[in-house]
PDB file of all heavy atoms in Angstrom:
ATOM      1  N   PHE A   1     136.936  69.922 115.594  1.00  0.00           N
ATOM      2  CA  PHE A   1     137.635  69.498 116.803  1.00  0.00           C
ATOM      3  C   PHE A   1     138.165  68.082 116.612  1.00  0.00           C
ATOM      4  O   PHE A   1     137.481  67.205 116.092  1.00  0.00           O
ATOM      5  CB  PHE A   1     136.680  69.540 117.995  1.00  0.00           C
ATOM      6  CG  PHE A   1     137.197  68.820 119.209  1.00  0.00           C
ATOM      7  CD1 PHE A   1     138.233  69.365 119.952  1.00  0.00           C
ATOM      8  CD2 PHE A   1     136.668  67.604 119.593  1.00  0.00           C
ATOM      9  CE1 PHE A   1     138.721  68.700 121.060  1.00  0.00           C
ATOM     10  CE2 PHE A   1     137.136  66.935 120.690  1.00  0.00           C
ATOM     11  CZ  PHE A   1     138.175  67.489 121.439  1.00  0.00           C
ATOM     12  N   GLY A   2     139.405  67.876 117.047  1.00  0.00           N
ATOM     13  CA  GLY A   2     140.022  66.566 116.945  1.00  0.00           C
ATOM     14  C   GLY A   2     140.759  66.334 115.646  1.00  0.00           C
ATOM     15  O   GLY A   2     141.667  65.516 115.592  1.00  0.00           O
ATOM     16  N   ILE A   3     140.369  67.054 114.598  1.00  0.00           N
ATOM     17  CA  ILE A   3     141.048  66.940 113.301  1.00  0.00           C
ATOM     18  C   ILE A   3     141.975  68.128 113.085  1.00  0.00           C
ATOM     19  O   ILE A   3     143.145  67.965 112.733  1.00  0.00           O
ATOM     20  CB  ILE A   3     140.020  66.842 112.161  1.00  0.00           C
ATOM     21  CG1 ILE A   3     139.201  65.558 112.302  1.00  0.00           C
ATOM     22  CG2 ILE A   3     140.710  66.897 110.804  1.00  0.00           C
ATOM     23  CD1 ILE A   3     138.122  65.401 111.250  1.00  0.00           C
ATOM     24  N   ASP A   4     141.461  69.322 113.329  1.00  0.00           N
ATOM     25  CA  ASP A   4     142.249  70.537 113.095  1.00  0.00           C
ATOM     26  C   ASP A   4     142.904  71.069 114.361  1.00  0.00           C
ATOM     27  O   ASP A   4     144.015  71.602 114.300  1.00  0.00           O
ATOM     28  CB  ASP A   4     141.356  71.624 112.492  1.00  0.00           C
ATOM     29  CG  ASP A   4     140.730  71.190 111.182  1.00  0.00           C
ATOM     30  OD1 ASP A   4     141.413  70.492 110.411  1.00  0.00           O
ATOM     31  OD2 ASP A   4     139.564  71.529 110.937  1.00  0.00           O
ATOM     32  N   ALA A   5     142.247  70.969 115.495  1.00  0.00           N
ATOM     33  CA  ALA A   5     142.788  71.505 116.751  1.00  0.00           C
ATOM     34  C   ALA A   5     141.983  70.946 117.909  1.00  0.00           C
ATOM     35  O   ALA A   5     140.890  70.403 117.726  1.00  0.00           O
ATOM     36  CB  ALA A   5     142.724  73.035 116.755  1.00  0.00           C
ATOM     37  N   GLU A   6     142.546  71.120 119.132  1.00  0.00           N
ATOM     38  CA  GLU A   6     141.876  70.600 120.322  1.00  0.00           C
ATOM     39  C   GLU A   6     141.773  71.632 121.429  1.00  0.00           C
ATOM     40  O   GLU A   6     141.362  71.305 122.546  1.00  0.00           O
ATOM     41  CB  GLU A   6     142.593  69.346 120.833  1.00  0.00           C
ATOM     42  CG  GLU A   6     142.555  68.185 119.843  1.00  0.00           C
ATOM     43  CD  GLU A   6     143.058  66.894 120.435  1.00  0.00           C
ATOM     44  OE1 GLU A   6     143.505  66.917 121.600  1.00  0.00           O
ATOM     45  OE2 GLU A   6     143.014  65.857 119.746  1.00  0.00           O
ATOM     46  N   THR A   7     142.135  72.876 121.164  1.00  0.00           N
ATOM     47  CA  THR A   7     141.972  73.950 122.147  1.00  0.00           C
ATOM     48  C   THR A   7     141.066  75.021 121.548  1.00  0.00           C
ATOM     49  O   THR A   7     141.031  75.199 120.323  1.00  0.00           O
ATOM     50  CB  THR A   7     143.320  74.575 122.534  1.00  0.00           C
ATOM     51  OG1 THR A   7     143.916  75.187 121.372  1.00  0.00           O
ATOM     52  CG2 THR A   7     144.269  73.519 123.086  1.00  0.00           C
ATOM     53  N   PRO A   8     140.323  75.750 122.382  1.00  0.00           N
ATOM     54  CA  PRO A   8     139.352  76.719 121.863  1.00  0.00           C
ATOM     55  C   PRO A   8     139.961  77.775 120.947  1.00  0.00           C
ATOM     56  O   PRO A   8     139.472  78.008 119.837  1.00  0.00           O
ATOM     57  CB  PRO A   8     138.763  77.342 123.132  1.00  0.00           C
ATOM     58  CG  PRO A   8     138.973  76.329 124.196  1.00  0.00           C
ATOM     59  CD  PRO A   8     140.243  75.638 123.856  1.00  0.00           C
ATOM     60  N   SER A   9     141.028  78.437 121.410  1.00  0.00           N
ATOM     61  CA  SER A   9     141.598  79.523 120.617  1.00  0.00           C
ATOM     62  C   SER A   9     142.169  79.015 119.302  1.00  0.00           C
ATOM     63  O   SER A   9     142.034  79.661 118.258  1.00  0.00           O
ATOM     64  CB  SER A   9     142.682  80.247 121.423  1.00  0.00           C
ATOM     65  OG  SER A   9     143.687  79.338 121.836  1.00  0.00           O
ATOM     66  N   THR A  10     142.807  77.838 119.328  1.00  0.00           N
ATOM     67  CA  THR A  10     143.393  77.286 118.103  1.00  0.00           C
ATOM     68  C   THR A  10     142.311  76.844 117.132  1.00  0.00           C
ATOM     69  O   THR A  10     142.419  77.037 115.918  1.00  0.00           O
ATOM     70  CB  THR A  10     144.310  76.097 118.432  1.00  0.00           C
ATOM     71  OG1 THR A  10     145.244  76.480 119.432  1.00  0.00           O
ATOM     72  CG2 THR A  10     145.074  75.653 117.193  1.00  0.00           C
ATOM     73  N   LEU A  11     141.235  76.260 117.667  1.00  0.00           N
ATOM     74  CA  LEU A  11     140.140  75.820 116.806  1.00  0.00           C
ATOM     75  C   LEU A  11     139.483  77.018 116.124  1.00  0.00           C
ATOM     76  O   LEU A  11     139.144  76.962 114.935  1.00  0.00           O
ATOM     77  CB  LEU A  11     139.115  75.050 117.640  1.00  0.00           C
ATOM     78  CG  LEU A  11     138.071  74.232 116.874  1.00  0.00           C
ATOM     79  CD1 LEU A  11     138.742  73.188 115.991  1.00  0.00           C
ATOM     80  CD2 LEU A  11     137.109  73.555 117.850  1.00  0.00           C
ATOM     81  N   LEU A  12     139.315  78.106 116.885  1.00  0.00           N
ATOM     82  CA  LEU A  12     138.747  79.324 116.298  1.00  0.00           C
ATOM     83  C   LEU A  12     139.706  79.918 115.269  1.00  0.00           C
ATOM     84  O   LEU A  12     139.281  80.408 114.215  1.00  0.00           O
ATOM     85  CB  LEU A  12     138.445  80.338 117.398  1.00  0.00           C
ATOM     86  CG  LEU A  12     137.750  81.630 116.953  1.00  0.00           C
ATOM     87  CD1 LEU A  12     136.408  81.328 116.298  1.00  0.00           C
ATOM     88  CD2 LEU A  12     137.561  82.564 118.140  1.00  0.00           C
ATOM     89  N   LYS A  13     141.002  79.864 115.561  1.00  0.00           N
ATOM     90  CA  LYS A  13     141.997  80.380 114.622  1.00  0.00           C
ATOM     91  C   LYS A  13     141.992  79.569 113.323  1.00  0.00           C
ATOM     92  O   LYS A  13     142.131  80.142 112.226  1.00  0.00           O
ATOM     93  CB  LYS A  13     143.390  80.334 115.261  1.00  0.00           C
ATOM     94  CG  LYS A  13     144.489  80.919 114.390  1.00  0.00           C
ATOM     95  CD  LYS A  13     144.267  82.399 114.144  1.00  0.00           C
ATOM     96  CE  LYS A  13     145.398  83.012 113.321  1.00  0.00           C
ATOM     97  NZ  LYS A  13     145.148  84.440 113.017  1.00  0.00           N
ATOM     98  N   CYS A  14     141.802  78.266 113.426  1.00  0.00           N
ATOM     99  CA  CYS A  14     141.734  77.429 112.225  1.00  0.00           C
ATOM    100  C   CYS A  14     140.526  77.808 111.369  1.00  0.00           C
ATOM    101  O   CYS A  14     140.621  77.884 110.141  1.00  0.00           O
ATOM    102  CB  CYS A  14     141.655  75.957 112.615  1.00  0.00           C
ATOM    103  SG  CYS A  14     143.190  75.274 113.288  1.00  0.00           S
ATOM    104  N   ALA A  15     139.390  78.050 112.018  1.00  0.00           N
ATOM    105  CA  ALA A  15     138.205  78.478 111.273  1.00  0.00           C
ATOM    106  C   ALA A  15     138.442  79.829 110.612  1.00  0.00           C
ATOM    107  O   ALA A  15     137.996  80.073 109.485  1.00  0.00           O
ATOM    108  CB  ALA A  15     137.004  78.546 112.212  1.00  0.00           C
ATOM    109  N   GLU A  16     139.165  80.715 111.315  1.00  0.00           N
ATOM    110  CA  GLU A  16     139.473  82.025 110.768  1.00  0.00           C
ATOM    111  C   GLU A  16     140.380  81.902 109.545  1.00  0.00           C
ATOM    112  O   GLU A  16     140.185  82.588 108.529  1.00  0.00           O
ATOM    113  CB  GLU A  16     140.138  82.869 111.847  1.00  0.00           C
ATOM    114  CG  GLU A  16     140.200  84.346 111.550  1.00  0.00           C
ATOM    115  CD  GLU A  16     140.669  85.148 112.739  1.00  0.00           C
ATOM    116  OE1 GLU A  16     141.236  84.563 113.683  1.00  0.00           O
ATOM    117  OE2 GLU A  16     140.472  86.366 112.731  1.00  0.00           O
ATOM    118  N   THR A  17     141.379  81.013 109.625  1.00  0.00           N
ATOM    119  CA  THR A  17     142.271  80.776 108.489  1.00  0.00           C
ATOM    120  C   THR A  17     141.484  80.223 107.301  1.00  0.00           C
ATOM    121  O   THR A  17     141.689  80.639 106.158  1.00  0.00           O
ATOM    122  CB  THR A  17     143.377  79.788 108.888  1.00  0.00           C
ATOM    123  OG1 THR A  17     144.124  80.328 109.988  1.00  0.00           O
ATOM    124  CG2 THR A  17     144.316  79.524 107.718  1.00  0.00           C
ATOM    125  N   ALA A  18     140.572  79.294 107.594  1.00  0.00           N
ATOM    126  CA  ALA A  18     139.735  78.749 106.518  1.00  0.00           C
ATOM    127  C   ALA A  18     138.862  79.836 105.898  1.00  0.00           C
ATOM    128  O   ALA A  18     138.626  79.842 104.684  1.00  0.00           O
ATOM    129  CB  ALA A  18     138.869  77.620 107.072  1.00  0.00           C
ATOM    130  N   LEU A  19     138.406  80.774 106.732  1.00  0.00           N
ATOM    131  CA  LEU A  19     137.600  81.890 106.221  1.00  0.00           C
ATOM    132  C   LEU A  19     138.421  82.753 105.265  1.00  0.00           C
ATOM    133  O   LEU A  19     137.932  83.155 104.202  1.00  0.00           O
ATOM    134  CB  LEU A  19     137.087  82.725 107.387  1.00  0.00           C
ATOM    135  CG  LEU A  19     136.290  83.984 107.021  1.00  0.00           C
ATOM    136  CD1 LEU A  19     135.029  83.625 106.246  1.00  0.00           C
ATOM    137  CD2 LEU A  19     135.930  84.775 108.276  1.00  0.00           C
ATOM    138  N   TYR A  20     139.669  83.045 105.624  1.00  0.00           N
ATOM    139  CA  TYR A  20     140.535  83.824 104.737  1.00  0.00           C
ATOM    140  C   TYR A  20     140.767  83.088 103.418  1.00  0.00           C
ATOM    141  O   TYR A  20     140.827  83.705 102.345  1.00  0.00           O
ATOM    142  CB  TYR A  20     141.871  84.114 105.419  1.00  0.00           C
ATOM    143  CG  TYR A  20     141.753  85.026 106.613  1.00  0.00           C
ATOM    144  CD1 TYR A  20     142.635  84.921 107.687  1.00  0.00           C
ATOM    145  CD2 TYR A  20     140.747  85.986 106.690  1.00  0.00           C
ATOM    146  CE1 TYR A  20     142.519  85.759 108.802  1.00  0.00           C
ATOM    147  CE2 TYR A  20     140.619  86.815 107.788  1.00  0.00           C
ATOM    148  CZ  TYR A  20     141.513  86.701 108.841  1.00  0.00           C
ATOM    149  OH  TYR A  20     141.387  87.518 109.935  1.00  0.00           O
ATOM    150  N   GLN A  21     140.907  81.758 103.495  1.00  0.00           N
ATOM    151  CA  GLN A  21     141.073  80.970 102.268  1.00  0.00           C
ATOM    152  C   GLN A  21     139.820  81.082 101.384  1.00  0.00           C
ATOM    153  O   GLN A  21     139.918  81.200 100.161  1.00  0.00           O
ATOM    154  CB  GLN A  21     141.336  79.508 102.625  1.00  0.00           C
ATOM    155  CG  GLN A  21     142.675  79.273 103.320  1.00  0.00           C
ATOM    156  CD  GLN A  21     142.823  77.850 103.824  1.00  0.00           C
ATOM    157  OE1 GLN A  21     141.865  77.084 103.850  1.00  0.00           O
ATOM    158  NE2 GLN A  21     144.024  77.502 104.271  1.00  0.00           N
ATOM    159  N   ALA A  22     138.651  81.042 102.024  1.00  0.00           N
ATOM    160  CA  ALA A  22     137.407  81.173 101.268  1.00  0.00           C
ATOM    161  C   ALA A  22     137.316  82.540 100.600  1.00  0.00           C
ATOM    162  O   ALA A  22     136.917  82.656  99.439  1.00  0.00           O
ATOM    163  CB  ALA A  22     136.206  80.950 102.189  1.00  0.00           C
ATOM    164  N   LYS A  23     137.710  83.590 101.336  1.00  0.00           N
ATOM    165  CA  LYS A  23     137.667  84.940 100.766  1.00  0.00           C
ATOM    166  C   LYS A  23     138.626  85.072  99.589  1.00  0.00           C
ATOM    167  O   LYS A  23     138.348  85.799  98.631  1.00  0.00           O
ATOM    168  CB  LYS A  23     138.020  85.963 101.842  1.00  0.00           C
ATOM    169  CG  LYS A  23     136.938  86.173 102.885  1.00  0.00           C
ATOM    170  CD  LYS A  23     137.355  87.252 103.882  1.00  0.00           C
ATOM    171  CE  LYS A  23     136.263  87.545 104.877  1.00  0.00           C
ATOM    172  NZ  LYS A  23     136.648  88.599 105.846  1.00  0.00           N
ATOM    173  N   SER A  24     139.769  84.378  99.665  1.00  0.00           N
ATOM    174  CA  SER A  24     140.745  84.470  98.574  1.00  0.00           C
ATOM    175  C   SER A  24     140.222  83.834  97.297  1.00  0.00           C
ATOM    176  O   SER A  24     140.625  84.191  96.192  1.00  0.00           O
ATOM    177  CB  SER A  24     142.058  83.800  98.986  1.00  0.00           C
ATOM    178  OG  SER A  24     141.899  82.396  99.126  1.00  0.00           O
ATOM    179  N   VAL A  25     139.296  82.875  97.449  1.00  0.00           N
ATOM    180  CA  VAL A  25     138.700  82.230  96.279  1.00  0.00           C
ATOM    181  C   VAL A  25     137.677  83.149  95.629  1.00  0.00           C
ATOM    182  O   VAL A  25     137.569  83.236  94.412  1.00  0.00           O
ATOM    183  CB  VAL A  25     138.047  80.889  96.683  1.00  0.00           C
ATOM    184  CG1 VAL A  25     137.305  80.278  95.500  1.00  0.00           C
ATOM    185  CG2 VAL A  25     139.106  79.934  97.198  1.00  0.00           C
ATOM    186  N   GLY A  26     136.925  83.852  96.453  1.00  0.00           N
ATOM    187  CA  GLY A  26     135.905  84.752  95.927  1.00  0.00           C
ATOM    188  C   GLY A  26     134.739  84.879  96.876  1.00  0.00           C
ATOM    189  O   GLY A  26     134.651  84.200  97.904  1.00  0.00           O
ATOM    190  N   ARG A  27     133.820  85.764  96.545  1.00  0.00           N
ATOM    191  CA  ARG A  27     132.644  86.003  97.377  1.00  0.00           C
ATOM    192  C   ARG A  27     131.710  84.792  97.348  1.00  0.00           C
ATOM    193  O   ARG A  27     131.652  84.051  96.374  1.00  0.00           O
ATOM    194  CB  ARG A  27     131.906  87.241  96.862  1.00  0.00           C
ATOM    195  CG  ARG A  27     130.755  87.717  97.729  1.00  0.00           C
ATOM    196  CD  ARG A  27     130.275  89.068  97.238  1.00  0.00           C
ATOM    197  NE  ARG A  27     129.061  89.498  97.924  1.00  0.00           N
ATOM    198  CZ  ARG A  27     128.525  90.709  97.800  1.00  0.00           C
ATOM    199  NH1 ARG A  27     129.107  91.601  97.026  1.00  0.00           N
ATOM    200  NH2 ARG A  27     127.429  91.028  98.444  1.00  0.00           N
ATOM    201  N   ASN A  28     131.007  84.570  98.454  1.00  0.00           N
ATOM    202  CA  ASN A  28     130.017  83.510  98.580  1.00  0.00           C
ATOM    203  C   ASN A  28     130.618  82.118  98.403  1.00  0.00           C
ATOM    204  O   ASN A  28     130.102  81.273  97.660  1.00  0.00           O
ATOM    205  CB  ASN A  28     128.869  83.719  97.584  1.00  0.00           C
ATOM    206  CG  ASN A  28     128.126  85.017  97.818  1.00  0.00           C
ATOM    207  OD1 ASN A  28     128.038  85.488  98.954  1.00  0.00           O
ATOM    208  ND2 ASN A  28     127.601  85.610  96.761  1.00  0.00           N
ATOM    209  N   THR A  29     131.722  81.867  99.089  1.00  0.00           N
ATOM    210  CA  THR A  29     132.360  80.556  99.075  1.00  0.00           C
ATOM    211  C   THR A  29     132.621  80.121 100.510  1.00  0.00           C
ATOM    212  O   THR A  29     132.590  80.923 101.438  1.00  0.00           O
ATOM    213  CB  THR A  29     133.699  80.578  98.312  1.00  0.00           C
ATOM    214  OG1 THR A  29     134.565  81.552  98.921  1.00  0.00           O
ATOM    215  CG2 THR A  29     133.495  80.934  96.857  1.00  0.00           C
ATOM    216  N   PHE A  30     132.894  78.838 100.690  1.00  0.00           N
ATOM    217  CA  PHE A  30     133.274  78.329 102.004  1.00  0.00           C
ATOM    218  C   PHE A  30     134.459  77.386 101.856  1.00  0.00           C
ATOM    219  O   PHE A  30     134.708  76.832 100.785  1.00  0.00           O
ATOM    220  CB  PHE A  30     132.101  77.610 102.682  1.00  0.00           C
ATOM    221  CG  PHE A  30     131.767  76.274 102.069  1.00  0.00           C
ATOM    222  CD1 PHE A  30     132.416  75.117 102.473  1.00  0.00           C
ATOM    223  CD2 PHE A  30     130.786  76.167 101.100  1.00  0.00           C
ATOM    224  CE1 PHE A  30     132.114  73.892 101.922  1.00  0.00           C
ATOM    225  CE2 PHE A  30     130.465  74.951 100.537  1.00  0.00           C
ATOM    226  CZ  PHE A  30     131.141  73.802 100.954  1.00  0.00           C
ATOM    227  N   ARG A  31     135.187  77.216 102.946  1.00  0.00           N
ATOM    228  CA  ARG A  31     136.333  76.315 102.961  1.00  0.00           C
ATOM    229  C   ARG A  31     136.487  75.685 104.343  1.00  0.00           C
ATOM    230  O   ARG A  31     136.170  76.299 105.354  1.00  0.00           O
ATOM    231  CB  ARG A  31     137.639  77.048 102.609  1.00  0.00           C
ATOM    232  CG  ARG A  31     137.788  77.413 101.145  1.00  0.00           C
ATOM    233  CD  ARG A  31     137.918  76.179 100.272  1.00  0.00           C
ATOM    234  NE  ARG A  31     138.124  76.493  98.873  1.00  0.00           N
ATOM    235  CZ  ARG A  31     137.158  76.655  97.990  1.00  0.00           C
ATOM    236  NH1 ARG A  31     135.898  76.577  98.382  1.00  0.00           N
ATOM    237  NH2 ARG A  31     137.421  76.908  96.730  1.00  0.00           N
ATOM    238  N   PHE A  32     136.965  74.446 104.371  1.00  0.00           N
ATOM    239  CA  PHE A  32     137.422  73.819 105.603  1.00  0.00           C
ATOM    240  C   PHE A  32     138.883  74.183 105.830  1.00  0.00           C
ATOM    241  O   PHE A  32     139.604  74.534 104.884  1.00  0.00           O
ATOM    242  CB  PHE A  32     137.294  72.298 105.517  1.00  0.00           C
ATOM    243  CG  PHE A  32     135.914  71.784 105.803  1.00  0.00           C
ATOM    244  CD1 PHE A  32     134.997  71.617 104.781  1.00  0.00           C
ATOM    245  CD2 PHE A  32     135.531  71.469 107.096  1.00  0.00           C
ATOM    246  CE1 PHE A  32     133.728  71.145 105.037  1.00  0.00           C
ATOM    247  CE2 PHE A  32     134.259  70.995 107.363  1.00  0.00           C
ATOM    248  CZ  PHE A  32     133.363  70.831 106.337  1.00  0.00           C
ATOM    249  N   TYR A  33     139.330  74.064 107.064  1.00  0.00           N
ATOM    250  CA  TYR A  33     140.730  74.340 107.360  1.00  0.00           C
ATOM    251  C   TYR A  33     141.631  73.286 106.725  1.00  0.00           C
ATOM    252  O   TYR A  33     142.688  73.592 106.194  1.00  0.00           O
ATOM    253  CB  TYR A  33     140.948  74.373 108.873  1.00  0.00           C
ATOM    254  CG  TYR A  33     142.399  74.590 109.268  1.00  0.00           C
ATOM    255  CD1 TYR A  33     142.983  75.845 109.125  1.00  0.00           C
ATOM    256  CD2 TYR A  33     143.165  73.548 109.769  1.00  0.00           C
ATOM    257  CE1 TYR A  33     144.303  76.054 109.476  1.00  0.00           C
ATOM    258  CE2 TYR A  33     144.489  73.746 110.126  1.00  0.00           C
ATOM    259  CZ  TYR A  33     145.055  74.991 109.974  1.00  0.00           C
ATOM    260  OH  TYR A  33     146.365  75.186 110.321  1.00  0.00           O
ATOM    261  N   SER A  34     141.197  72.037 106.756  1.00  0.00           N
ATOM    262  CA  SER A  34     141.983  70.946 106.205  1.00  0.00           C
ATOM    263  C   SER A  34     141.861  70.912 104.688  1.00  0.00           C
ATOM    264  O   SER A  34     140.758  70.875 104.142  1.00  0.00           O
ATOM    265  CB  SER A  34     141.517  69.602 106.791  1.00  0.00           C
ATOM    266  OG  SER A  34     142.013  68.524 106.046  1.00  0.00           O
TER     267      SER A  34
END
């Protein structure tokens, strides 16, 4: 919050996008949206 987004739906969407980025790297990884 405050860095990636400031509304609930957008903040959740940013986390979801980061999750897709983590999946694209491979299993058992994590990523920030930024």
